[in-house]
Amino acid sequence: MKKSLTFSLLASAAVLMAACVPSPSDFETTPVQVSTSKGVVTCQLYRLDRVDWDRAIDFPATKMTVPEADQICRDEGLRIKNS
């Protein structure tokens, strides 16, 4: 009985904690397009004071890799943050 009560309390606490964790989608801005020499990259930017979640949602896949496109978006986020 004591173990099941402890488990129930821990499970309830975990659920409550998970509900408090923000999701990147809570901070989405309007997507922006960045022109590069390899083509246009569409970026999903999130918080304007951080670039941790910024990523590419569309890019010329035959001309660049996902990490390249994501870096372009993080750079654009930094440019906006610093302007």
PDB file of N, CA and C in Angstrom:
ATOM      1  N   MET A   1       0.825  -1.203   0.000  1.00  0.00           N
ATOM      2  CA  MET A   1       0.000   0.000   0.000  1.00  0.00           C
ATOM      3  C   MET A   1       0.860   1.255   0.000  1.00  0.00           C
ATOM      4  N   LYS A   2       1.883   1.257   0.837  1.00  0.00           N
ATOM      5  CA  LYS A   2       2.743   2.414   0.944  1.00  0.00           C
ATOM      6  C   LYS A   2       3.490   2.673  -0.382  1.00  0.00           C
ATOM      7  N   LYS A   3       3.933   1.593  -1.044  1.00  0.00           N
ATOM      8  CA  LYS A   3       4.651   1.737  -2.313  1.00  0.00           C
ATOM      9  C   LYS A   3       3.734   2.281  -3.403  1.00  0.00           C
ATOM     10  N   SER A   4       2.484   1.833  -3.451  1.00  0.00           N
ATOM     11  CA  SER A   4       1.582   2.312  -4.493  1.00  0.00           C
ATOM     12  C   SER A   4       1.223   3.782  -4.272  1.00  0.00           C
ATOM     13  N   LEU A   5       1.121   4.232  -3.041  1.00  0.00           N
ATOM     14  CA  LEU A   5       0.854   5.641  -2.759  1.00  0.00           C
ATOM     15  C   LEU A   5       2.051   6.495  -3.184  1.00  0.00           C
ATOM     16  N   THR A   6       3.240   6.031  -2.855  1.00  0.00           N
ATOM     17  CA  THR A   6       4.451   6.747  -3.249  1.00  0.00           C
ATOM     18  C   THR A   6       4.549   6.824  -4.763  1.00  0.00           C
ATOM     19  N   PHE A   7       4.279   5.712  -5.437  1.00  0.00           N
ATOM     20  CA  PHE A   7       4.321   5.698  -6.900  1.00  0.00           C
ATOM     21  C   PHE A   7       3.290   6.662  -7.474  1.00  0.00           C
ATOM     22  N   SER A   8       2.097   6.665  -6.921  1.00  0.00           N
ATOM     23  CA  SER A   8       1.044   7.568  -7.403  1.00  0.00           C
ATOM     24  C   SER A   8       1.438   9.028  -7.235  1.00  0.00           C
ATOM     25  N   LEU A   9       2.024   9.344  -6.107  1.00  0.00           N
ATOM     26  CA  LEU A   9       2.457  10.717  -5.868  1.00  0.00           C
ATOM     27  C   LEU A   9       3.580  11.115  -6.821  1.00  0.00           C
ATOM     28  N   LEU A  10       4.531  10.218  -7.049  1.00  0.00           N
ATOM     29  CA  LEU A  10       5.625  10.509  -7.970  1.00  0.00           C
ATOM     30  C   LEU A  10       5.125  10.653  -9.404  1.00  0.00           C
ATOM     31  N   ALA A  11       4.203   9.783  -9.798  1.00  0.00           N
ATOM     32  CA  ALA A  11       3.643   9.861 -11.145  1.00  0.00           C
ATOM     33  C   ALA A  11       2.876  11.166 -11.334  1.00  0.00           C
ATOM     34  N   SER A  12       2.107  11.558 -10.342  1.00  0.00           N
ATOM     35  CA  SER A  12       1.362  12.819 -10.409  1.00  0.00           C
ATOM     36  C   SER A  12       2.308  14.011 -10.506  1.00  0.00           C
ATOM     37  N   ALA A  13       3.372  13.978  -9.729  1.00  0.00           N
ATOM     38  CA  ALA A  13       4.354  15.059  -9.762  1.00  0.00           C
ATOM     39  C   ALA A  13       5.016  15.138 -11.135  1.00  0.00           C
ATOM     40  N   ALA A  14       5.329  13.996 -11.724  1.00  0.00           N
ATOM     41  CA  ALA A  14       5.952  13.974 -13.042  1.00  0.00           C
ATOM     42  C   ALA A  14       5.029  14.558 -14.105  1.00  0.00           C
ATOM     43  N   VAL A  15       3.766  14.225 -14.033  1.00  0.00           N
ATOM     44  CA  VAL A  15       2.794  14.757 -14.991  1.00  0.00           C
ATOM     45  C   VAL A  15       2.677  16.267 -14.833  1.00  0.00           C
ATOM     46  N   LEU A  16       2.621  16.741 -13.615  1.00  0.00           N
ATOM     47  CA  LEU A  16       2.524  18.181 -13.372  1.00  0.00           C
ATOM     48  C   LEU A  16       3.772  18.916 -13.863  1.00  0.00           C
ATOM     49  N   MET A  17       4.929  18.325 -13.651  1.00  0.00           N
ATOM     50  CA  MET A  17       6.176  18.941 -14.108  1.00  0.00           C
ATOM     51  C   MET A  17       6.220  18.992 -15.635  1.00  0.00           C
ATOM     52  N   ALA A  18       5.794  17.929 -16.287  1.00  0.00           N
ATOM     53  CA  ALA A  18       5.811  17.881 -17.754  1.00  0.00           C
ATOM     54  C   ALA A  18       4.890  18.942 -18.336  1.00  0.00           C
ATOM     55  N   ALA A  19       3.808  19.229 -17.667  1.00  0.00           N
ATOM     56  CA  ALA A  19       2.869  20.239 -18.155  1.00  0.00           C
ATOM     57  C   ALA A  19       3.470  21.643 -18.072  1.00  0.00           C
ATOM     58  N   CYS A  20       4.473  21.832 -17.240  1.00  0.00           N
ATOM     59  CA  CYS A  20       5.090  23.147 -17.063  1.00  0.00           C
ATOM     60  C   CYS A  20       6.246  23.401 -18.024  1.00  0.00           C
ATOM     61  N   VAL A  21       6.740  22.373 -18.677  1.00  0.00           N
ATOM     62  CA  VAL A  21       7.880  22.523 -19.580  1.00  0.00           C
ATOM     63  C   VAL A  21       7.391  23.147 -20.889  1.00  0.00           C
ATOM     64  N   PRO A  22       7.990  24.283 -21.274  1.00  0.00           N
ATOM     65  CA  PRO A  22       7.537  24.922 -22.510  1.00  0.00           C
ATOM     66  C   PRO A  22       7.955  24.124 -23.739  1.00  0.00           C
ATOM     67  N   SER A  23       7.152  24.206 -24.741  1.00  0.00           N
ATOM     68  CA  SER A  23       7.437  23.577 -26.026  1.00  0.00           C
ATOM     69  C   SER A  23       7.929  24.656 -26.981  1.00  0.00           C
ATOM     70  N   PRO A  24       8.835  24.326 -27.894  1.00  0.00           N
ATOM     71  CA  PRO A  24       9.257  25.336 -28.862  1.00  0.00           C
ATOM     72  C   PRO A  24       8.083  25.957 -29.622  1.00  0.00           C
ATOM     73  N   SER A  25       7.039  25.179 -29.875  1.00  0.00           N
ATOM     74  CA  SER A  25       5.899  25.722 -30.621  1.00  0.00           C
ATOM     75  C   SER A  25       5.205  26.870 -29.877  1.00  0.00           C
ATOM     76  N   ASP A  26       5.405  26.949 -28.551  1.00  0.00           N
ATOM     77  CA  ASP A  26       4.840  28.056 -27.783  1.00  0.00           C
ATOM     78  C   ASP A  26       5.508  29.395 -28.124  1.00  0.00           C
ATOM     79  N   PHE A  27       6.690  29.337 -28.762  1.00  0.00           N
ATOM     80  CA  PHE A  27       7.467  30.542 -29.023  1.00  0.00           C
ATOM     81  C   PHE A  27       7.677  30.812 -30.514  1.00  0.00           C
ATOM     82  N   GLU A  28       6.981  30.097 -31.396  1.00  0.00           N
ATOM     83  CA  GLU A  28       7.166  30.260 -32.837  1.00  0.00           C
ATOM     84  C   GLU A  28       6.832  31.672 -33.293  1.00  0.00           C
ATOM     85  N   THR A  29       7.673  32.183 -34.188  1.00  0.00           N
ATOM     86  CA  THR A  29       7.389  33.444 -34.857  1.00  0.00           C
ATOM     87  C   THR A  29       6.957  33.113 -36.282  1.00  0.00           C
ATOM     88  N   THR A  30       6.585  34.112 -37.034  1.00  0.00           N
ATOM     89  CA  THR A  30       6.263  33.901 -38.438  1.00  0.00           C
ATOM     90  C   THR A  30       7.537  33.459 -39.159  1.00  0.00           C
ATOM     91  N   PRO A  31       7.482  32.396 -39.963  1.00  0.00           N
ATOM     92  CA  PRO A  31       8.686  31.952 -40.673  1.00  0.00           C
ATOM     93  C   PRO A  31       9.265  33.071 -41.554  1.00  0.00           C
ATOM     94  N   VAL A  32      10.585  33.071 -41.675  1.00  0.00           N
ATOM     95  CA  VAL A  32      11.279  34.051 -42.506  1.00  0.00           C
ATOM     96  C   VAL A  32      12.061  33.323 -43.592  1.00  0.00           C
ATOM     97  N   GLN A  33      12.261  34.009 -44.699  1.00  0.00           N
ATOM     98  CA  GLN A  33      13.044  33.444 -45.794  1.00  0.00           C
ATOM     99  C   GLN A  33      14.368  34.176 -45.888  1.00  0.00           C
ATOM    100  N   VAL A  34      15.432  33.382 -46.060  1.00  0.00           N
ATOM    101  CA  VAL A  34      16.777  33.936 -46.178  1.00  0.00           C
ATOM    102  C   VAL A  34      17.333  33.520 -47.533  1.00  0.00           C
ATOM    103  N   SER A  35      17.747  34.489 -48.334  1.00  0.00           N
ATOM    104  CA  SER A  35      18.346  34.190 -49.641  1.00  0.00           C
ATOM    105  C   SER A  35      19.831  33.913 -49.451  1.00  0.00           C
ATOM    106  N   THR A  36      20.295  32.807 -50.015  1.00  0.00           N
ATOM    107  CA  THR A  36      21.708  32.446 -49.976  1.00  0.00           C
ATOM    108  C   THR A  36      22.169  32.181 -51.406  1.00  0.00           C
ATOM    109  N   SER A  37      23.457  31.990 -51.571  1.00  0.00           N
ATOM    110  CA  SER A  37      23.984  31.691 -52.903  1.00  0.00           C
ATOM    111  C   SER A  37      23.521  30.327 -53.406  1.00  0.00           C
ATOM    112  N   LYS A  38      23.057  29.471 -52.491  1.00  0.00           N
ATOM    113  CA  LYS A  38      22.580  28.133 -52.858  1.00  0.00           C
ATOM    114  C   LYS A  38      21.061  28.061 -52.986  1.00  0.00           C
ATOM    115  N   GLY A  39      20.383  29.153 -52.697  1.00  0.00           N
ATOM    116  CA  GLY A  39      18.929  29.179 -52.780  1.00  0.00           C
ATOM    117  C   GLY A  39      18.298  29.753 -51.527  1.00  0.00           C
ATOM    118  N   VAL A  40      16.980  29.758 -51.505  1.00  0.00           N
ATOM    119  CA  VAL A  40      16.219  30.335 -50.396  1.00  0.00           C
ATOM    120  C   VAL A  40      16.020  29.291 -49.299  1.00  0.00           C
ATOM    121  N   VAL A  41      16.271  29.714 -48.066  1.00  0.00           N
ATOM    122  CA  VAL A  41      16.054  28.876 -46.890  1.00  0.00           C
ATOM    123  C   VAL A  41      14.911  29.504 -46.103  1.00  0.00           C
ATOM    124  N   THR A  42      13.909  28.703 -45.787  1.00  0.00           N
ATOM    125  CA  THR A  42      12.808  29.180 -44.944  1.00  0.00           C
ATOM    126  C   THR A  42      13.103  28.742 -43.521  1.00  0.00           C
ATOM    127  N   CYS A  43      13.119  29.706 -42.624  1.00  0.00           N
ATOM    128  CA  CYS A  43      13.505  29.453 -41.237  1.00  0.00           C
ATOM    129  C   CYS A  43      12.323  29.610 -40.292  1.00  0.00           C
ATOM    130  N   GLN A  44      12.235  28.689 -39.352  1.00  0.00           N
ATOM    131  CA  GLN A  44      11.297  28.846 -38.242  1.00  0.00           C
ATOM    132  C   GLN A  44      12.119  29.357 -37.080  1.00  0.00           C
ATOM    133  N   LEU A  45      11.898  30.612 -36.734  1.00  0.00           N
ATOM    134  CA  LEU A  45      12.578  31.200 -35.591  1.00  0.00           C
ATOM    135  C   LEU A  45      11.648  31.130 -34.392  1.00  0.00           C
ATOM    136  N   TYR A  46      12.227  31.116 -33.231  1.00  0.00           N
ATOM    137  CA  TYR A  46      11.440  30.989 -32.013  1.00  0.00           C
ATOM    138  C   TYR A  46      11.644  32.230 -31.148  1.00  0.00           C
ATOM    139  N   ARG A  47      12.190  32.100 -30.009  1.00  0.00           N
ATOM    140  CA  ARG A  47      12.379  33.265 -29.138  1.00  0.00           C
ATOM    141  C   ARG A  47      13.344  34.244 -29.782  1.00  0.00           C
ATOM    142  N   LEU A  48      13.022  35.518 -29.733  1.00  0.00           N
ATOM    143  CA  LEU A  48      13.872  36.516 -30.359  1.00  0.00           C
ATOM    144  C   LEU A  48      15.118  36.818 -29.533  1.00  0.00           C
ATOM    145  N   ASP A  49      15.165  36.352 -28.273  1.00  0.00           N
ATOM    146  CA  ASP A  49      16.342  36.594 -27.448  1.00  0.00           C
ATOM    147  C   ASP A  49      17.271  35.377 -27.383  1.00  0.00           C
ATOM    148  N   ARG A  50      16.894  34.275 -28.073  1.00  0.00           N
ATOM    149  CA  ARG A  50      17.730  33.065 -28.103  1.00  0.00           C
ATOM    150  C   ARG A  50      17.586  32.410 -29.467  1.00  0.00           C
ATOM    151  N   VAL A  51      18.591  31.645 -29.862  1.00  0.00           N
ATOM    152  CA  VAL A  51      18.536  30.997 -31.172  1.00  0.00           C
ATOM    153  C   VAL A  51      18.653  29.481 -31.079  1.00  0.00           C
ATOM    154  N   ASP A  52      18.571  28.934 -29.878  1.00  0.00           N
ATOM    155  CA  ASP A  52      18.778  27.494 -29.666  1.00  0.00           C
ATOM    156  C   ASP A  52      17.849  26.618 -30.500  1.00  0.00           C
ATOM    157  N   TRP A  53      16.608  27.040 -30.694  1.00  0.00           N
ATOM    158  CA  TRP A  53      15.631  26.200 -31.383  1.00  0.00           C
ATOM    159  C   TRP A  53      15.472  26.562 -32.857  1.00  0.00           C
ATOM    160  N   ASP A  54      16.063  27.665 -33.303  1.00  0.00           N
ATOM    161  CA  ASP A  54      15.894  28.110 -34.694  1.00  0.00           C
ATOM    162  C   ASP A  54      16.348  27.016 -35.653  1.00  0.00           C
ATOM    163  N   ARG A  55      15.535  26.792 -36.706  1.00  0.00           N
ATOM    164  CA  ARG A  55      15.858  25.706 -37.639  1.00  0.00           C
ATOM    165  C   ARG A  55      15.232  25.981 -38.995  1.00  0.00           C
ATOM    166  N   ALA A  56      15.754  25.267 -40.000  1.00  0.00           N
ATOM    167  CA  ALA A  56      15.218  25.375 -41.351  1.00  0.00           C
ATOM    168  C   ALA A  56      14.006  24.474 -41.494  1.00  0.00           C
ATOM    169  N   ILE A  57      12.956  25.005 -42.120  1.00  0.00           N
ATOM    170  CA  ILE A  57      11.784  24.174 -42.400  1.00  0.00           C
ATOM    171  C   ILE A  57      11.635  23.920 -43.890  1.00  0.00           C
ATOM    172  N   ASP A  58      12.436  24.634 -44.701  1.00  0.00           N
ATOM    173  CA  ASP A  58      12.467  24.377 -46.143  1.00  0.00           C
ATOM    174  C   ASP A  58      13.771  24.946 -46.685  1.00  0.00           C
ATOM    175  N   PHE A  59      14.419  24.187 -47.570  1.00  0.00           N
ATOM    176  CA  PHE A  59      15.682  24.617 -48.153  1.00  0.00           C
ATOM    177  C   PHE A  59      15.956  23.774 -49.393  1.00  0.00           C
ATOM    178  N   PRO A  60      16.870  24.233 -50.257  1.00  0.00           N
ATOM    179  CA  PRO A  60      17.191  23.456 -51.459  1.00  0.00           C
ATOM    180  C   PRO A  60      18.035  22.232 -51.090  1.00  0.00           C
ATOM    181  N   ALA A  61      17.382  21.119 -50.860  1.00  0.00           N
ATOM    182  CA  ALA A  61      18.043  19.914 -50.334  1.00  0.00           C
ATOM    183  C   ALA A  61      19.109  19.354 -51.274  1.00  0.00           C
ATOM    184  N   THR A  62      19.018  19.661 -52.558  1.00  0.00           N
ATOM    185  CA  THR A  62      20.043  19.158 -53.481  1.00  0.00           C
ATOM    186  C   THR A  62      21.313  19.999 -53.429  1.00  0.00           C
ATOM    187  N   LYS A  63      21.238  21.158 -52.770  1.00  0.00           N
ATOM    188  CA  LYS A  63      22.386  22.067 -52.748  1.00  0.00           C
ATOM    189  C   LYS A  63      23.000  22.271 -51.372  1.00  0.00           C
ATOM    190  N   MET A  64      22.288  21.870 -50.308  1.00  0.00           N
ATOM    191  CA  MET A  64      22.840  22.037 -48.963  1.00  0.00           C
ATOM    192  C   MET A  64      22.304  20.957 -48.036  1.00  0.00           C
ATOM    193  N   THR A  65      22.988  20.793 -46.925  1.00  0.00           N
ATOM    194  CA  THR A  65      22.600  19.783 -45.940  1.00  0.00           C
ATOM    195  C   THR A  65      21.700  20.406 -44.878  1.00  0.00           C
ATOM    196  N   VAL A  66      21.066  19.562 -44.089  1.00  0.00           N
ATOM    197  CA  VAL A  66      20.233  20.045 -42.982  1.00  0.00           C
ATOM    198  C   VAL A  66      21.068  20.878 -42.011  1.00  0.00           C
ATOM    199  N   PRO A  67      22.251  20.400 -41.582  1.00  0.00           N
ATOM    200  CA  PRO A  67      23.040  21.241 -40.671  1.00  0.00           C
ATOM    201  C   PRO A  67      23.397  22.611 -41.260  1.00  0.00           C
ATOM    202  N   GLU A  68      23.699  22.658 -42.562  1.00  0.00           N
ATOM    203  CA  GLU A  68      23.984  23.949 -43.213  1.00  0.00           C
ATOM    204  C   GLU A  68      22.767  24.865 -43.146  1.00  0.00           C
ATOM    205  N   ALA A  69      21.619  24.334 -43.512  1.00  0.00           N
ATOM    206  CA  ALA A  69      20.385  25.133 -43.514  1.00  0.00           C
ATOM    207  C   ALA A  69      20.038  25.593 -42.101  1.00  0.00           C
ATOM    208  N   ASP A  70      20.179  24.703 -41.127  1.00  0.00           N
ATOM    209  CA  ASP A  70      19.889  25.090 -39.740  1.00  0.00           C
ATOM    210  C   ASP A  70      20.839  26.185 -39.265  1.00  0.00           C
ATOM    211  N   GLN A  71      22.103  26.106 -39.665  1.00  0.00           N
ATOM    212  CA  GLN A  71      23.069  27.139 -39.263  1.00  0.00           C
ATOM    213  C   GLN A  71      22.704  28.487 -39.875  1.00  0.00           C
ATOM    214  N   ILE A  72      22.240  28.485 -41.106  1.00  0.00           N
ATOM    215  CA  ILE A  72      21.785  29.723 -41.746  1.00  0.00           C
ATOM    216  C   ILE A  72      20.656  30.334 -40.916  1.00  0.00           C
ATOM    217  N   CYS A  73      19.760  29.493 -40.424  1.00  0.00           N
ATOM    218  CA  CYS A  73      18.638  29.990 -39.613  1.00  0.00           C
ATOM    219  C   CYS A  73      19.110  30.504 -38.257  1.00  0.00           C
ATOM    220  N   ARG A  74      20.038  29.806 -37.629  1.00  0.00           N
ATOM    221  CA  ARG A  74      20.569  30.311 -36.357  1.00  0.00           C
ATOM    222  C   ARG A  74      21.295  31.645 -36.570  1.00  0.00           C
ATOM    223  N   ASP A  75      22.026  31.750 -37.682  1.00  0.00           N
ATOM    224  CA  ASP A  75      22.698  33.019 -37.997  1.00  0.00           C
ATOM    225  C   ASP A  75      21.683  34.141 -38.213  1.00  0.00           C
ATOM    226  N   GLU A  76      20.574  33.821 -38.883  1.00  0.00           N
ATOM    227  CA  GLU A  76      19.516  34.823 -39.089  1.00  0.00           C
ATOM    228  C   GLU A  76      18.886  35.210 -37.755  1.00  0.00           C
ATOM    229  N   GLY A  77      18.678  34.242 -36.883  1.00  0.00           N
ATOM    230  CA  GLY A  77      18.167  34.552 -35.547  1.00  0.00           C
ATOM    231  C   GLY A  77      19.099  35.473 -34.782  1.00  0.00           C
ATOM    232  N   LEU A  78      20.408  35.217 -34.880  1.00  0.00           N
ATOM    233  CA  LEU A  78      21.386  36.091 -34.230  1.00  0.00           C
ATOM    234  C   LEU A  78      21.378  37.484 -34.840  1.00  0.00           C
ATOM    235  N   ARG A  79      21.255  37.553 -36.163  1.00  0.00           N
ATOM    236  CA  ARG A  79      21.218  38.849 -36.828  1.00  0.00           C
ATOM    237  C   ARG A  79      20.029  39.677 -36.325  1.00  0.00           C
ATOM    238  N   ILE A  80      18.876  39.031 -36.230  1.00  0.00           N
ATOM    239  CA  ILE A  80      17.670  39.721 -35.745  1.00  0.00           C
ATOM    240  C   ILE A  80      17.836  40.100 -34.275  1.00  0.00           C
ATOM    241  N   LYS A  81      18.368  39.201 -33.483  1.00  0.00           N
ATOM    242  CA  LYS A  81      18.568  39.465 -32.050  1.00  0.00           C
ATOM    243  C   LYS A  81      19.470  40.673 -31.841  1.00  0.00           C
ATOM    244  N   ASN A  82      20.521  40.771 -32.642  1.00  0.00           N
ATOM    245  CA  ASN A  82      21.511  41.837 -32.460  1.00  0.00           C
ATOM    246  C   ASN A  82      21.149  43.147 -33.162  1.00  0.00           C
ATOM    247  N   SER A  83      20.047  43.142 -33.923  1.00  0.00           N
ATOM    248  CA  SER A  83      19.694  44.389 -34.629  1.00  0.00           C
ATOM    249  C   SER A  83      18.763  45.260 -33.818  1.00  0.00           C
TER     250      SER A  83
END
